[in-house]
Amino acid sequence: MQPQPQRPPRIFYCTDILSGRASLDGYPFRYVLLRPPVSSVFMAGPISGDAQVTVDQMLSAVELLETRGWELVNFEQGGLLAFLRRARPH
């Protein structure tokens, strides 16, 4: 019996997208979740300097993916989660 191929993840870190460690070019699914690395997630509250950097990284990763055929569906948790879908070809 052949082993089942491992399914690609649907959750990606924004820093991996920005650094090029993760690429969604050729990704087989239409929907993904983008999040900051675990080390940069903290308790919700007023947006401090650290929070602004994290939200900026999230927005930058979303904008980069938009240039590659992805579109933002929704932001959640104060900008700490971004749901994206691959745009359908016209």
C-alpha atoms as a PDB file:
ATOM      1  CA  MET A   1       0.000   0.000   0.000  1.00  0.00           C
ATOM      2  CA  GLN A   2       1.370   3.403  -1.016  1.00  0.00           C
ATOM      3  CA  PRO A   3       1.652   6.058   1.737  1.00  0.00           C
ATOM      4  CA  GLN A   4      -0.735   8.980   1.342  1.00  0.00           C
ATOM      5  CA  PRO A   5       1.025  12.180   0.224  1.00  0.00           C
ATOM      6  CA  GLN A   6       1.177  14.786   2.961  1.00  0.00           C
ATOM      7  CA  ARG A   7      -1.417  17.498   2.555  1.00  0.00           C
ATOM      8  CA  PRO A   8      -0.021  21.041   2.260  1.00  0.00           C
ATOM      9  CA  PRO A   9      -0.715  23.353   5.205  1.00  0.00           C
ATOM     10  CA  ARG A  10      -3.430  25.999   5.070  1.00  0.00           C
ATOM     11  CA  ILE A  11      -1.917  28.194   7.798  1.00  0.00           C
ATOM     12  CA  PHE A  12       1.142  30.332   7.038  1.00  0.00           C
ATOM     13  CA  TYR A  13       3.184  32.834   9.049  1.00  0.00           C
ATOM     14  CA  CYS A  14       3.267  36.336   7.594  1.00  0.00           C
ATOM     15  CA  THR A  15       7.029  36.521   8.198  1.00  0.00           C
ATOM     16  CA  ASP A  16       7.559  33.374   6.104  1.00  0.00           C
ATOM     17  CA  ILE A  17       5.636  34.959   3.218  1.00  0.00           C
ATOM     18  CA  LEU A  18       7.607  38.217   3.505  1.00  0.00           C
ATOM     19  CA  SER A  19      11.000  36.479   3.708  1.00  0.00           C
ATOM     20  CA  GLY A  20      10.273  34.077   0.844  1.00  0.00           C
ATOM     21  CA  ARG A  21      10.542  30.962   3.068  1.00  0.00           C
ATOM     22  CA  ALA A  22       6.951  30.167   2.042  1.00  0.00           C
ATOM     23  CA  SER A  23       5.568  30.716  -1.436  1.00  0.00           C
ATOM     24  CA  LEU A  24       1.970  30.232  -2.468  1.00  0.00           C
ATOM     25  CA  ASP A  25       2.808  30.143  -6.174  1.00  0.00           C
ATOM     26  CA  GLY A  26       1.366  26.848  -7.385  1.00  0.00           C
ATOM     27  CA  TYR A  27      -0.475  26.247  -4.101  1.00  0.00           C
ATOM     28  CA  PRO A  28      -3.190  23.625  -4.738  1.00  0.00           C
ATOM     29  CA  PHE A  29      -5.987  25.038  -2.560  1.00  0.00           C
ATOM     30  CA  ARG A  30      -8.002  28.231  -2.884  1.00  0.00           C
ATOM     31  CA  TYR A  31      -8.203  29.366   0.787  1.00  0.00           C
ATOM     32  CA  VAL A  32      -5.466  30.027   3.341  1.00  0.00           C
ATOM     33  CA  LEU A  33      -5.037  31.611   6.750  1.00  0.00           C
ATOM     34  CA  LEU A  34      -2.197  34.023   7.439  1.00  0.00           C
ATOM     35  CA  ARG A  35      -1.013  34.727  10.976  1.00  0.00           C
ATOM     36  CA  PRO A  36       1.958  36.241  12.792  1.00  0.00           C
ATOM     37  CA  PRO A  37       4.566  33.950  14.360  1.00  0.00           C
ATOM     38  CA  VAL A  38       3.608  32.626  17.779  1.00  0.00           C
ATOM     39  CA  SER A  39       6.367  34.700  19.410  1.00  0.00           C
ATOM     40  CA  SER A  40       4.719  37.970  18.325  1.00  0.00           C
ATOM     41  CA  VAL A  41       1.182  37.207  19.517  1.00  0.00           C
ATOM     42  CA  PHE A  42       0.235  38.856  22.795  1.00  0.00           C
ATOM     43  CA  MET A  43      -2.806  39.862  24.804  1.00  0.00           C
ATOM     44  CA  ALA A  44      -5.221  42.168  23.016  1.00  0.00           C
ATOM     45  CA  GLY A  45      -5.342  45.757  24.175  1.00  0.00           C
ATOM     46  CA  PRO A  46      -4.525  49.203  22.870  1.00  0.00           C
ATOM     47  CA  ILE A  47      -2.248  49.039  19.847  1.00  0.00           C
ATOM     48  CA  SER A  48       1.277  49.509  21.149  1.00  0.00           C
ATOM     49  CA  GLY A  49       4.455  49.811  19.095  1.00  0.00           C
ATOM     50  CA  ASP A  50       4.955  46.018  19.035  1.00  0.00           C
ATOM     51  CA  ALA A  51       1.361  45.466  17.943  1.00  0.00           C
ATOM     52  CA  GLN A  52       1.729  48.004  15.152  1.00  0.00           C
ATOM     53  CA  VAL A  53       4.796  46.145  13.850  1.00  0.00           C
ATOM     54  CA  THR A  54       2.861  42.853  13.871  1.00  0.00           C
ATOM     55  CA  VAL A  55      -0.166  44.365  12.117  1.00  0.00           C
ATOM     56  CA  ASP A  56       2.173  46.044   9.617  1.00  0.00           C
ATOM     57  CA  GLN A  57       3.787  42.667   8.859  1.00  0.00           C
ATOM     58  CA  MET A  58       0.350  41.114   8.367  1.00  0.00           C
ATOM     59  CA  LEU A  59      -0.776  43.893   6.024  1.00  0.00           C
ATOM     60  CA  SER A  60       2.509  43.763   4.102  1.00  0.00           C
ATOM     61  CA  ALA A  61       2.187  39.994   3.606  1.00  0.00           C
ATOM     62  CA  VAL A  62      -1.433  40.392   2.434  1.00  0.00           C
ATOM     63  CA  GLU A  63      -0.391  43.119  -0.015  1.00  0.00           C
ATOM     64  CA  LEU A  64       2.426  40.924  -1.344  1.00  0.00           C
ATOM     65  CA  LEU A  65       0.036  38.008  -1.861  1.00  0.00           C
ATOM     66  CA  GLU A  66      -2.430  40.312  -3.627  1.00  0.00           C
ATOM     67  CA  THR A  67       0.250  40.905  -6.272  1.00  0.00           C
ATOM     68  CA  ARG A  68       0.373  37.113  -6.736  1.00  0.00           C
ATOM     69  CA  GLY A  69      -3.330  36.521  -7.360  1.00  0.00           C
ATOM     70  CA  TRP A  70      -4.673  36.256  -3.795  1.00  0.00           C
ATOM     71  CA  GLU A  71      -7.378  38.466  -2.312  1.00  0.00           C
ATOM     72  CA  LEU A  72      -8.214  39.316   1.271  1.00  0.00           C
ATOM     73  CA  VAL A  73     -11.476  37.811   2.531  1.00  0.00           C
ATOM     74  CA  ASN A  74     -11.395  39.041   6.134  1.00  0.00           C
ATOM     75  CA  PHE A  75      -9.237  40.187   9.039  1.00  0.00           C
ATOM     76  CA  GLU A  76      -9.948  38.865  12.543  1.00  0.00           C
ATOM     77  CA  GLN A  77      -8.568  39.405  16.044  1.00  0.00           C
ATOM     78  CA  GLY A  78      -7.491  42.980  15.484  1.00  0.00           C
ATOM     79  CA  GLY A  79      -5.536  42.186  12.338  1.00  0.00           C
ATOM     80  CA  LEU A  80      -3.755  39.112  13.737  1.00  0.00           C
ATOM     81  CA  LEU A  81      -5.498  36.674  11.398  1.00  0.00           C
ATOM     82  CA  ALA A  82      -6.045  37.194   7.688  1.00  0.00           C
ATOM     83  CA  PHE A  83      -8.182  34.907   5.568  1.00  0.00           C
ATOM     84  CA  LEU A  84      -7.296  34.935   1.870  1.00  0.00           C
ATOM     85  CA  ARG A  85      -8.516  33.205  -1.276  1.00  0.00           C
ATOM     86  CA  ARG A  86      -6.928  32.757  -4.636  1.00  0.00           C
ATOM     87  CA  ALA A  87      -8.752  34.985  -7.125  1.00  0.00           C
ATOM     88  CA  ARG A  88     -10.552  33.115  -9.842  1.00  0.00           C
ATOM     89  CA  PRO A  89      -9.115  33.694 -13.313  1.00  0.00           C
ATOM     90  CA  HIS A  90     -11.299  35.973 -15.440  1.00  0.00           C
END
